[in-house]
C-alpha atoms as a PDB file:
ATOM      1  CA  MET A   1     124.788  13.938 -73.121  1.00  0.00           C
ATOM      2  CA  THR A   2     126.614  15.774 -70.388  1.00  0.00           C
ATOM      3  CA  THR A   3     128.328  13.853 -67.718  1.00  0.00           C
ATOM      4  CA  ILE A   4     125.837  14.985 -65.013  1.00  0.00           C
ATOM      5  CA  ALA A   5     122.965  14.056 -67.024  1.00  0.00           C
ATOM      6  CA  SER A   6     124.508  10.440 -67.653  1.00  0.00           C
ATOM      7  CA  GLN A   7     125.040  10.122 -64.086  1.00  0.00           C
ATOM      8  CA  ALA A   8     121.581  10.988 -63.172  1.00  0.00           C
ATOM      9  CA  VAL A   9     120.196   8.475 -65.796  1.00  0.00           C
ATOM     10  CA  GLN A  10     122.318   5.675 -64.491  1.00  0.00           C
ATOM     11  CA  MET A  11     121.237   6.409 -60.985  1.00  0.00           C
ATOM     12  CA  GLN A  12     117.448   6.446 -61.884  1.00  0.00           C
ATOM     13  CA  ALA A  13     118.102   3.221 -63.854  1.00  0.00           C
ATOM     14  CA  GLY A  14     119.771   1.799 -60.677  1.00  0.00           C
ATOM     15  CA  ALA A  15     116.893   2.922 -58.394  1.00  0.00           C
ATOM     16  CA  GLN A  16     114.303   1.366 -60.748  1.00  0.00           C
ATOM     17  CA  SER A  17     116.079  -1.958 -61.070  1.00  0.00           C
ATOM     18  CA  GLN A  18     116.331  -2.140 -57.304  1.00  0.00           C
ATOM     19  CA  SER A  19     112.452  -1.469 -56.885  1.00  0.00           C
ATOM     20  CA  ILE A  20     111.932  -4.063 -59.272  1.00  0.00           C
ATOM     21  CA  GLY A  21     114.020  -6.492 -57.278  1.00  0.00           C
ATOM     22  CA  ILE A  22     112.180  -5.640 -54.073  1.00  0.00           C
ATOM     23  CA  ALA A  23     108.809  -6.173 -55.696  1.00  0.00           C
ATOM     24  CA  VAL A  24     109.849  -9.546 -56.964  1.00  0.00           C
ATOM     25  CA  ALA A  25     111.173 -10.560 -53.672  1.00  0.00           C
ATOM     26  CA  ARG A  26     108.123  -9.465 -51.997  1.00  0.00           C
ATOM     27  CA  GLN A  27     105.906 -11.471 -54.542  1.00  0.00           C
ATOM     28  CA  GLN A  28     108.102 -14.569 -53.914  1.00  0.00           C
ATOM     29  CA  ILE A  29     107.790 -14.302 -50.033  1.00  0.00           C
ATOM     30  CA  ALA A  30     103.867 -13.875 -50.477  1.00  0.00           C
ATOM     31  CA  ALA A  31     103.941 -17.090 -52.688  1.00  0.00           C
ATOM     32  CA  ASP A  32     105.909 -19.110 -50.201  1.00  0.00           C
ATOM     33  CA  GLN A  33     103.714 -18.023 -47.335  1.00  0.00           C
ATOM     34  CA  ALA A  34     100.710 -19.151 -49.336  1.00  0.00           C
ATOM     35  CA  VAL A  35     102.123 -22.454 -50.230  1.00  0.00           C
ATOM     36  CA  ALA A  36     103.128 -23.027 -46.475  1.00  0.00           C
ATOM     37  CA  ALA A  37      99.678 -22.227 -45.403  1.00  0.00           C
ATOM     38  CA  LEU A  38      98.179 -24.434 -48.078  1.00  0.00           C
ATOM     39  CA  VAL A  39     100.419 -27.326 -46.886  1.00  0.00           C
ATOM     40  CA  ALA A  40      99.827 -26.734 -43.307  1.00  0.00           C
ATOM     41  CA  GLY A  41      96.023 -26.629 -43.729  1.00  0.00           C
ATOM     42  CA  THR A  42      96.220 -29.950 -45.828  1.00  0.00           C
ATOM     43  CA  ALA A  43      98.352 -31.664 -43.016  1.00  0.00           C
ATOM     44  CA  ALA A  44      96.063 -30.428 -40.258  1.00  0.00           C
ATOM     45  CA  SER A  45      92.829 -31.781 -41.981  1.00  0.00           C
ATOM     46  CA  THR A  46      94.092 -34.997 -43.379  1.00  0.00           C
ATOM     47  CA  SER A  47      96.356 -36.280 -40.851  1.00  0.00           C
ATOM     48  CA  PRO A  48      95.079 -39.726 -39.364  1.00  0.00           C
ATOM     49  CA  SER A  49      94.462 -40.388 -35.912  1.00  0.00           C
ATOM     50  CA  PRO A  50      96.746 -42.864 -34.400  1.00  0.00           C
ATOM     51  CA  PRO A  51      95.633 -46.371 -33.917  1.00  0.00           C
ATOM     52  CA  PRO A  52      93.806 -47.140 -30.540  1.00  0.00           C
ATOM     53  CA  GLY A  53      96.141 -47.489 -27.569  1.00  0.00           C
ATOM     54  CA  GLN A  54      98.878 -45.513 -29.277  1.00  0.00           C
ATOM     55  CA  GLY A  55      99.863 -42.187 -27.803  1.00  0.00           C
ATOM     56  CA  GLN A  56      98.582 -42.709 -24.512  1.00  0.00           C
ATOM     57  CA  VAL A  57     101.675 -43.547 -22.438  1.00  0.00           C
ATOM     58  CA  VAL A  58     105.225 -42.588 -22.876  1.00  0.00           C
ATOM     59  CA  ASP A  59     107.690 -45.383 -22.624  1.00  0.00           C
ATOM     60  CA  LEU A  60     110.539 -44.128 -20.568  1.00  0.00           C
ATOM     61  CA  LYS A  61     112.501 -47.574 -20.541  1.00  0.00           C
ATOM     62  CA  VAL A  62     115.458 -46.957 -22.736  1.00  0.00           C
END
């Protein structure tokens, strides 16, 4: 193989490797967002209300 051809093959392999890395990163971000949405939805639907009388007045005596 000539030098130019081998350089072109190496450049193409590098570009393909970078494209795969970007796709993997995007997939990981999407998975993380899905987990965060699931956790937020579960926390919002299952958070118990405070006992009666709590959360009504802020105590400023510190």
